[in-house]
Amino acid sequence: MKNGAKKPDLVVFNEETQQYDAALKPYGTSASAPAIKPLNTATWRNDGVQRVNNKIKSEFEEVKKQYEKLMEKFHYNDLVYNSKFSFEPNIGEEYYLYKYKNQENFLSIIHPNQCNFEYLGTFRLNSDKMWEKVDVLN
């Protein structure tokens, strides 16, 4: 205050605006006003934690599936590229992977119905030069 007199504690006076503003406050300013009690945020917090955990778990599962698919592609490409073959594979064609008795893998154009080697799978070379496993024999 300008004259230096201090107002009593229960009088709400704003020094900056030089006005009584008890009615403008977002909280009770008298002893008869309702008590200010902190809200119980535990339920809200637990719900938030659960939602976040479920979201992160869901994203993790998606990334895990992508990783497993990527590792499967790597495995198939490693398997086929490290096998023996004496021809240049054509893009889009299907080839058959077999295992010799000496445990060496080889790639062939011969269909599994026409030979007695241990059949490992059918693969197709795509335009990116990546081998894709074909699930069904033609």
N, C-alpha and C. Protein backbone atom coordinates (compact mmCIF):
# COMPACT_ATOMS: atom_id res chain seq x y z
N MET A 1 0.82 -1.20 0.00
CA MET A 1 0.00 0.00 0.00
C MET A 1 0.86 1.25 0.00
N LYS A 2 0.27 2.28 -0.48
CA LYS A 2 1.04 3.51 -0.61
C LYS A 2 1.26 4.19 0.74
N ASN A 3 0.26 4.09 1.59
CA ASN A 3 0.42 4.75 2.88
C ASN A 3 1.12 3.86 3.91
N GLY A 4 1.47 2.62 3.52
CA GLY A 4 2.25 1.74 4.36
C GLY A 4 1.43 0.95 5.37
N ALA A 5 0.14 1.19 5.49
CA ALA A 5 -0.67 0.45 6.45
C ALA A 5 -0.97 -0.93 5.89
N LYS A 6 -0.76 -1.93 6.68
CA LYS A 6 -0.97 -3.31 6.25
C LYS A 6 -2.40 -3.69 6.54
N LYS A 7 -3.05 -4.37 5.57
CA LYS A 7 -4.41 -4.87 5.75
C LYS A 7 -4.36 -6.15 6.56
N PRO A 8 -5.41 -6.48 7.27
CA PRO A 8 -5.45 -7.75 8.02
C PRO A 8 -5.41 -8.94 7.05
N ASP A 9 -4.96 -10.11 7.53
CA ASP A 9 -4.79 -11.29 6.68
C ASP A 9 -6.08 -11.74 6.00
N LEU A 10 -7.21 -11.55 6.64
CA LEU A 10 -8.44 -12.03 6.03
C LEU A 10 -9.01 -11.06 4.99
N VAL A 11 -8.41 -9.92 4.82
CA VAL A 11 -8.83 -8.98 3.78
C VAL A 11 -7.97 -9.24 2.55
N VAL A 12 -8.63 -9.46 1.41
CA VAL A 12 -7.89 -9.77 0.20
C VAL A 12 -7.78 -8.49 -0.62
N PHE A 13 -6.56 -7.95 -0.60
CA PHE A 13 -6.31 -6.70 -1.31
C PHE A 13 -5.13 -6.93 -2.25
N ASN A 14 -5.30 -6.53 -3.49
CA ASN A 14 -4.25 -6.67 -4.49
C ASN A 14 -3.44 -5.40 -4.52
N GLU A 15 -2.18 -5.50 -4.15
CA GLU A 15 -1.29 -4.34 -4.07
C GLU A 15 -1.06 -3.73 -5.46
N GLU A 16 -0.99 -4.55 -6.50
CA GLU A 16 -0.68 -4.05 -7.83
C GLU A 16 -1.84 -3.24 -8.41
N THR A 17 -3.06 -3.77 -8.28
CA THR A 17 -4.22 -3.07 -8.86
C THR A 17 -4.88 -2.13 -7.87
N GLN A 18 -4.47 -2.21 -6.61
CA GLN A 18 -5.03 -1.40 -5.55
C GLN A 18 -6.55 -1.61 -5.44
N GLN A 19 -6.96 -2.90 -5.55
CA GLN A 19 -8.37 -3.24 -5.46
C GLN A 19 -8.56 -4.46 -4.56
N TYR A 20 -9.80 -4.57 -4.03
CA TYR A 20 -10.18 -5.77 -3.28
C TYR A 20 -10.67 -6.77 -4.33
N ASP A 21 -10.04 -7.95 -4.40
CA ASP A 21 -10.39 -8.89 -5.48
C ASP A 21 -10.63 -10.32 -4.98
N ALA A 22 -11.18 -10.47 -3.81
CA ALA A 22 -11.45 -11.80 -3.25
C ALA A 22 -12.39 -12.60 -4.15
N ALA A 23 -13.35 -11.94 -4.77
CA ALA A 23 -14.32 -12.65 -5.62
C ALA A 23 -13.70 -13.13 -6.94
N LEU A 24 -12.56 -12.58 -7.30
CA LEU A 24 -11.91 -12.95 -8.57
C LEU A 24 -10.91 -14.10 -8.42
N LYS A 25 -10.60 -14.47 -7.20
CA LYS A 25 -9.62 -15.54 -6.98
C LYS A 25 -10.23 -16.89 -7.31
N PRO A 26 -9.42 -17.84 -7.86
CA PRO A 26 -9.93 -19.17 -8.20
C PRO A 26 -10.02 -20.10 -6.98
N TYR A 27 -9.76 -19.58 -5.81
CA TYR A 27 -9.80 -20.37 -4.59
C TYR A 27 -10.52 -19.59 -3.49
N GLY A 28 -10.95 -20.27 -2.46
CA GLY A 28 -11.64 -19.63 -1.35
C GLY A 28 -10.69 -18.76 -0.56
N THR A 29 -11.18 -17.59 -0.13
CA THR A 29 -10.31 -16.65 0.59
C THR A 29 -10.75 -16.39 2.02
N SER A 30 -11.82 -17.03 2.46
CA SER A 30 -12.27 -16.82 3.84
C SER A 30 -12.23 -18.14 4.60
N ALA A 31 -12.31 -18.04 5.91
CA ALA A 31 -12.27 -19.23 6.76
C ALA A 31 -13.49 -20.11 6.54
N SER A 32 -14.60 -19.55 6.06
CA SER A 32 -15.81 -20.34 5.84
C SER A 32 -15.85 -20.96 4.43
N ALA A 33 -14.85 -20.67 3.61
CA ALA A 33 -14.80 -21.24 2.25
C ALA A 33 -14.49 -22.73 2.35
N PRO A 34 -14.94 -23.52 1.35
CA PRO A 34 -14.63 -24.96 1.38
C PRO A 34 -13.12 -25.20 1.41
N ALA A 35 -12.75 -26.25 2.07
CA ALA A 35 -11.33 -26.59 2.18
C ALA A 35 -10.78 -27.00 0.81
N ILE A 36 -9.57 -26.61 0.56
CA ILE A 36 -8.90 -27.01 -0.69
C ILE A 36 -8.24 -28.36 -0.43
N LYS A 37 -8.71 -29.35 -1.14
CA LYS A 37 -8.17 -30.70 -0.97
C LYS A 37 -7.52 -31.12 -2.27
N PRO A 38 -6.35 -31.73 -2.17
CA PRO A 38 -5.71 -32.20 -3.40
C PRO A 38 -6.55 -33.32 -4.02
N LEU A 39 -6.63 -33.31 -5.34
CA LEU A 39 -7.37 -34.35 -6.04
C LEU A 39 -6.64 -35.67 -5.97
N ASN A 40 -7.39 -36.75 -5.97
CA ASN A 40 -6.79 -38.08 -6.01
C ASN A 40 -6.51 -38.41 -7.48
N THR A 41 -5.28 -38.27 -7.87
CA THR A 41 -4.90 -38.49 -9.27
C THR A 41 -4.38 -39.90 -9.52
N ALA A 42 -4.43 -40.74 -8.50
CA ALA A 42 -3.89 -42.09 -8.66
C ALA A 42 -4.61 -42.86 -9.76
N THR A 43 -5.95 -42.74 -9.82
CA THR A 43 -6.71 -43.45 -10.83
C THR A 43 -6.35 -42.95 -12.22
N TRP A 44 -6.29 -41.63 -12.36
CA TRP A 44 -5.92 -41.03 -13.65
C TRP A 44 -4.50 -41.45 -14.05
N ARG A 45 -3.60 -41.40 -13.09
CA ARG A 45 -2.20 -41.75 -13.35
C ARG A 45 -2.08 -43.23 -13.75
N ASN A 46 -2.76 -44.11 -13.01
CA ASN A 46 -2.71 -45.54 -13.32
C ASN A 46 -3.28 -45.84 -14.70
N ASP A 47 -4.37 -45.16 -15.05
CA ASP A 47 -4.97 -45.34 -16.38
C ASP A 47 -3.98 -44.88 -17.46
N GLY A 48 -3.34 -43.74 -17.23
CA GLY A 48 -2.35 -43.24 -18.19
C GLY A 48 -1.17 -44.18 -18.35
N VAL A 49 -0.66 -44.68 -17.24
CA VAL A 49 0.47 -45.61 -17.26
C VAL A 49 0.09 -46.87 -18.02
N GLN A 50 -1.12 -47.38 -17.74
CA GLN A 50 -1.57 -48.61 -18.41
C GLN A 50 -1.71 -48.38 -19.92
N ARG A 51 -2.28 -47.25 -20.31
CA ARG A 51 -2.44 -46.96 -21.75
C ARG A 51 -1.09 -46.83 -22.44
N VAL A 52 -0.17 -46.12 -21.80
CA VAL A 52 1.16 -45.95 -22.38
C VAL A 52 1.88 -47.29 -22.49
N ASN A 53 1.80 -48.09 -21.43
CA ASN A 53 2.45 -49.40 -21.46
C ASN A 53 1.88 -50.29 -22.57
N ASN A 54 0.55 -50.27 -22.73
CA ASN A 54 -0.07 -51.07 -23.80
C ASN A 54 0.36 -50.57 -25.17
N LYS A 55 0.43 -49.26 -25.34
CA LYS A 55 0.85 -48.68 -26.63
C LYS A 55 2.29 -49.08 -26.94
N ILE A 56 3.15 -48.95 -25.96
CA ILE A 56 4.57 -49.29 -26.17
C ILE A 56 4.72 -50.79 -26.44
N LYS A 57 3.97 -51.61 -25.70
CA LYS A 57 4.03 -53.05 -25.92
C LYS A 57 3.57 -53.40 -27.33
N SER A 58 2.50 -52.75 -27.79
CA SER A 58 1.98 -52.99 -29.13
C SER A 58 3.02 -52.60 -30.19
N GLU A 59 3.63 -51.43 -30.02
CA GLU A 59 4.66 -50.99 -30.97
C GLU A 59 5.86 -51.94 -30.93
N PHE A 60 6.24 -52.39 -29.73
CA PHE A 60 7.35 -53.33 -29.61
C PHE A 60 7.06 -54.62 -30.36
N GLU A 61 5.83 -55.13 -30.22
CA GLU A 61 5.45 -56.37 -30.91
C GLU A 61 5.53 -56.19 -32.43
N GLU A 62 5.10 -55.01 -32.93
CA GLU A 62 5.19 -54.73 -34.37
C GLU A 62 6.65 -54.72 -34.83
N VAL A 63 7.50 -54.04 -34.07
CA VAL A 63 8.92 -53.97 -34.42
C VAL A 63 9.54 -55.36 -34.35
N LYS A 64 9.14 -56.14 -33.36
CA LYS A 64 9.66 -57.50 -33.20
C LYS A 64 9.29 -58.36 -34.41
N LYS A 65 8.02 -58.23 -34.88
CA LYS A 65 7.59 -58.99 -36.05
C LYS A 65 8.36 -58.56 -37.29
N GLN A 66 8.57 -57.24 -37.45
CA GLN A 66 9.36 -56.75 -38.58
C GLN A 66 10.78 -57.29 -38.52
N TYR A 67 11.36 -57.30 -37.33
CA TYR A 67 12.71 -57.82 -37.15
C TYR A 67 12.77 -59.30 -37.53
N GLU A 68 11.78 -60.07 -37.06
CA GLU A 68 11.76 -61.51 -37.37
C GLU A 68 11.62 -61.75 -38.87
N LYS A 69 10.78 -60.94 -39.55
CA LYS A 69 10.64 -61.08 -41.01
C LYS A 69 11.95 -60.73 -41.70
N LEU A 70 12.61 -59.67 -41.23
CA LEU A 70 13.88 -59.25 -41.81
C LEU A 70 14.95 -60.33 -41.62
N MET A 71 14.98 -60.92 -40.44
CA MET A 71 15.95 -61.99 -40.17
C MET A 71 15.66 -63.23 -41.02
N GLU A 72 14.37 -63.50 -41.25
CA GLU A 72 14.00 -64.63 -42.10
C GLU A 72 14.47 -64.38 -43.54
N LYS A 73 14.26 -63.15 -44.04
CA LYS A 73 14.75 -62.79 -45.38
C LYS A 73 16.26 -62.95 -45.45
N PHE A 74 16.94 -62.46 -44.41
CA PHE A 74 18.41 -62.58 -44.38
C PHE A 74 18.82 -64.05 -44.41
N HIS A 75 18.16 -64.87 -43.62
CA HIS A 75 18.49 -66.29 -43.56
C HIS A 75 18.32 -66.96 -44.92
N TYR A 76 17.17 -66.70 -45.57
CA TYR A 76 16.91 -67.30 -46.88
C TYR A 76 17.93 -66.83 -47.92
N ASN A 77 18.24 -65.54 -47.92
CA ASN A 77 19.20 -65.03 -48.89
C ASN A 77 20.60 -65.58 -48.63
N ASP A 78 20.95 -65.69 -47.37
CA ASP A 78 22.24 -66.26 -47.01
C ASP A 78 22.31 -67.73 -47.45
N LEU A 79 21.23 -68.44 -47.21
CA LEU A 79 21.15 -69.86 -47.56
C LEU A 79 21.30 -70.05 -49.08
N VAL A 80 20.55 -69.29 -49.86
CA VAL A 80 20.56 -69.47 -51.32
C VAL A 80 21.86 -68.95 -51.92
N TYR A 81 22.29 -67.75 -51.54
CA TYR A 81 23.51 -67.20 -52.12
C TYR A 81 24.75 -68.01 -51.77
N ASN A 82 24.72 -68.73 -50.66
CA ASN A 82 25.87 -69.56 -50.28
C ASN A 82 25.74 -71.00 -50.78
N SER A 83 24.70 -71.27 -51.53
CA SER A 83 24.55 -72.61 -52.11
C SER A 83 25.29 -72.65 -53.45
N LYS A 84 25.47 -73.86 -53.95
CA LYS A 84 26.15 -74.02 -55.24
C LYS A 84 25.13 -73.97 -56.36
N PHE A 85 25.48 -73.26 -57.43
CA PHE A 85 24.70 -73.29 -58.66
C PHE A 85 25.60 -72.85 -59.79
N SER A 86 25.37 -73.44 -60.95
CA SER A 86 26.25 -73.19 -62.11
C SER A 86 25.50 -72.50 -63.24
N PHE A 87 24.55 -71.69 -62.91
CA PHE A 87 23.80 -70.93 -63.91
C PHE A 87 23.48 -69.55 -63.31
N GLU A 88 23.09 -68.63 -64.19
CA GLU A 88 22.71 -67.31 -63.71
C GLU A 88 21.20 -67.28 -63.56
N PRO A 89 20.70 -67.17 -62.33
CA PRO A 89 19.26 -67.16 -62.11
C PRO A 89 18.59 -65.95 -62.76
N ASN A 90 17.40 -66.16 -63.29
CA ASN A 90 16.62 -65.09 -63.91
C ASN A 90 15.65 -64.51 -62.89
N ILE A 91 15.49 -63.22 -62.95
CA ILE A 91 14.55 -62.53 -62.05
C ILE A 91 13.14 -63.02 -62.34
N GLY A 92 12.41 -63.33 -61.28
CA GLY A 92 11.02 -63.75 -61.39
C GLY A 92 10.83 -65.25 -61.57
N GLU A 93 11.89 -65.99 -61.80
CA GLU A 93 11.81 -67.44 -61.98
C GLU A 93 11.91 -68.14 -60.63
N GLU A 94 11.30 -69.32 -60.56
CA GLU A 94 11.38 -70.12 -59.34
C GLU A 94 12.49 -71.16 -59.48
N TYR A 95 13.21 -71.35 -58.38
CA TYR A 95 14.29 -72.32 -58.32
C TYR A 95 14.11 -73.14 -57.05
N TYR A 96 14.72 -74.32 -57.04
CA TYR A 96 14.53 -75.26 -55.93
C TYR A 96 15.86 -75.47 -55.23
N LEU A 97 15.82 -75.41 -53.93
CA LEU A 97 17.03 -75.59 -53.13
C LEU A 97 17.03 -77.00 -52.54
N TYR A 98 18.16 -77.67 -52.71
CA TYR A 98 18.31 -79.05 -52.23
C TYR A 98 19.57 -79.16 -51.39
N LYS A 99 19.67 -80.30 -50.72
CA LYS A 99 20.87 -80.61 -49.93
C LYS A 99 21.45 -81.92 -50.45
N TYR A 100 22.76 -81.86 -50.79
CA TYR A 100 23.48 -83.08 -51.18
C TYR A 100 23.65 -83.98 -49.97
N LYS A 101 24.09 -85.22 -50.23
CA LYS A 101 24.37 -86.15 -49.13
C LYS A 101 25.53 -85.65 -48.27
N ASN A 102 26.42 -84.86 -48.88
CA ASN A 102 27.56 -84.33 -48.13
C ASN A 102 27.19 -83.03 -47.38
N GLN A 103 25.89 -82.75 -47.27
CA GLN A 103 25.34 -81.61 -46.53
C GLN A 103 25.56 -80.26 -47.21
N GLU A 104 26.00 -80.27 -48.46
CA GLU A 104 26.13 -79.02 -49.21
C GLU A 104 24.80 -78.69 -49.88
N ASN A 105 24.44 -77.42 -49.87
CA ASN A 105 23.21 -76.98 -50.52
C ASN A 105 23.49 -76.63 -51.97
N PHE A 106 22.50 -76.89 -52.83
CA PHE A 106 22.63 -76.47 -54.22
C PHE A 106 21.28 -76.03 -54.76
N LEU A 107 21.33 -75.10 -55.70
CA LEU A 107 20.13 -74.55 -56.32
C LEU A 107 19.94 -75.21 -57.67
N SER A 108 18.69 -75.52 -58.01
CA SER A 108 18.43 -76.25 -59.24
C SER A 108 17.14 -75.75 -59.88
N ILE A 109 17.02 -76.05 -61.19
CA ILE A 109 15.77 -75.77 -61.91
C ILE A 109 14.89 -77.01 -61.94
N ILE A 110 15.39 -78.13 -61.43
CA ILE A 110 14.65 -79.39 -61.45
C ILE A 110 13.63 -79.41 -60.32
N HIS A 111 12.40 -79.69 -60.68
CA HIS A 111 11.28 -79.73 -59.73
C HIS A 111 11.48 -80.88 -58.75
N PRO A 112 11.08 -80.72 -57.48
CA PRO A 112 11.25 -81.78 -56.47
C PRO A 112 10.58 -83.11 -56.85
N ASN A 113 9.54 -83.09 -57.66
CA ASN A 113 8.89 -84.33 -58.09
C ASN A 113 9.75 -85.13 -59.06
N GLN A 114 10.80 -84.51 -59.61
CA GLN A 114 11.62 -85.15 -60.63
C GLN A 114 13.00 -85.57 -60.11
N CYS A 115 13.24 -85.46 -58.81
CA CYS A 115 14.54 -85.86 -58.27
C CYS A 115 14.39 -86.41 -56.85
N ASN A 116 15.47 -86.97 -56.32
CA ASN A 116 15.43 -87.61 -55.00
C ASN A 116 16.31 -86.91 -53.96
N PHE A 117 16.71 -85.69 -54.21
CA PHE A 117 17.53 -84.96 -53.25
C PHE A 117 16.65 -84.44 -52.11
N GLU A 118 17.30 -84.09 -51.00
CA GLU A 118 16.56 -83.52 -49.88
C GLU A 118 16.14 -82.10 -50.23
N TYR A 119 14.84 -81.90 -50.35
CA TYR A 119 14.27 -80.63 -50.77
C TYR A 119 14.23 -79.66 -49.59
N LEU A 120 14.75 -78.43 -49.76
CA LEU A 120 14.77 -77.42 -48.69
C LEU A 120 13.77 -76.29 -48.91
N GLY A 121 13.38 -76.07 -50.17
CA GLY A 121 12.41 -75.01 -50.41
C GLY A 121 12.47 -74.48 -51.83
N THR A 122 11.42 -73.76 -52.19
CA THR A 122 11.33 -73.11 -53.49
C THR A 122 11.56 -71.63 -53.28
N PHE A 123 12.39 -71.03 -54.16
CA PHE A 123 12.75 -69.63 -54.03
C PHE A 123 12.61 -68.92 -55.36
N ARG A 124 12.27 -67.63 -55.28
CA ARG A 124 12.13 -66.78 -56.47
C ARG A 124 13.04 -65.58 -56.29
N LEU A 125 13.76 -65.22 -57.34
CA LEU A 125 14.64 -64.05 -57.31
C LEU A 125 13.82 -62.83 -57.71
N ASN A 126 13.78 -61.80 -56.84
CA ASN A 126 13.01 -60.60 -57.20
C ASN A 126 13.92 -59.57 -57.87
N SER A 127 13.35 -58.45 -58.27
CA SER A 127 14.10 -57.44 -59.02
C SER A 127 15.18 -56.76 -58.20
N ASP A 128 15.13 -56.89 -56.87
CA ASP A 128 16.17 -56.34 -56.00
C ASP A 128 17.29 -57.34 -55.77
N LYS A 129 17.23 -58.46 -56.50
CA LYS A 129 18.21 -59.55 -56.35
C LYS A 129 18.12 -60.19 -54.97
N MET A 130 16.93 -60.15 -54.40
CA MET A 130 16.69 -60.82 -53.12
C MET A 130 15.89 -62.08 -53.38
N TRP A 131 16.25 -63.14 -52.69
CA TRP A 131 15.53 -64.40 -52.81
C TRP A 131 14.34 -64.39 -51.87
N GLU A 132 13.17 -64.77 -52.42
CA GLU A 132 11.95 -64.87 -51.62
C GLU A 132 11.53 -66.32 -51.59
N LYS A 133 11.18 -66.79 -50.41
CA LYS A 133 10.72 -68.16 -50.28
C LYS A 133 9.29 -68.25 -50.81
N VAL A 134 9.04 -69.24 -51.66
CA VAL A 134 7.71 -69.48 -52.21
C VAL A 134 7.12 -70.63 -51.41
N ASP A 135 5.93 -70.42 -50.83
CA ASP A 135 5.35 -71.40 -49.92
C ASP A 135 4.83 -72.65 -50.60
N VAL A 136 4.26 -72.51 -51.80
CA VAL A 136 3.59 -73.65 -52.43
C VAL A 136 4.35 -74.06 -53.69
N LEU A 137 4.50 -75.37 -53.87
CA LEU A 137 5.11 -75.88 -55.09
C LEU A 137 4.11 -75.82 -56.24
N ASN A 138 4.61 -75.49 -57.42
CA ASN A 138 3.73 -75.44 -58.59
C ASN A 138 3.63 -76.79 -59.24
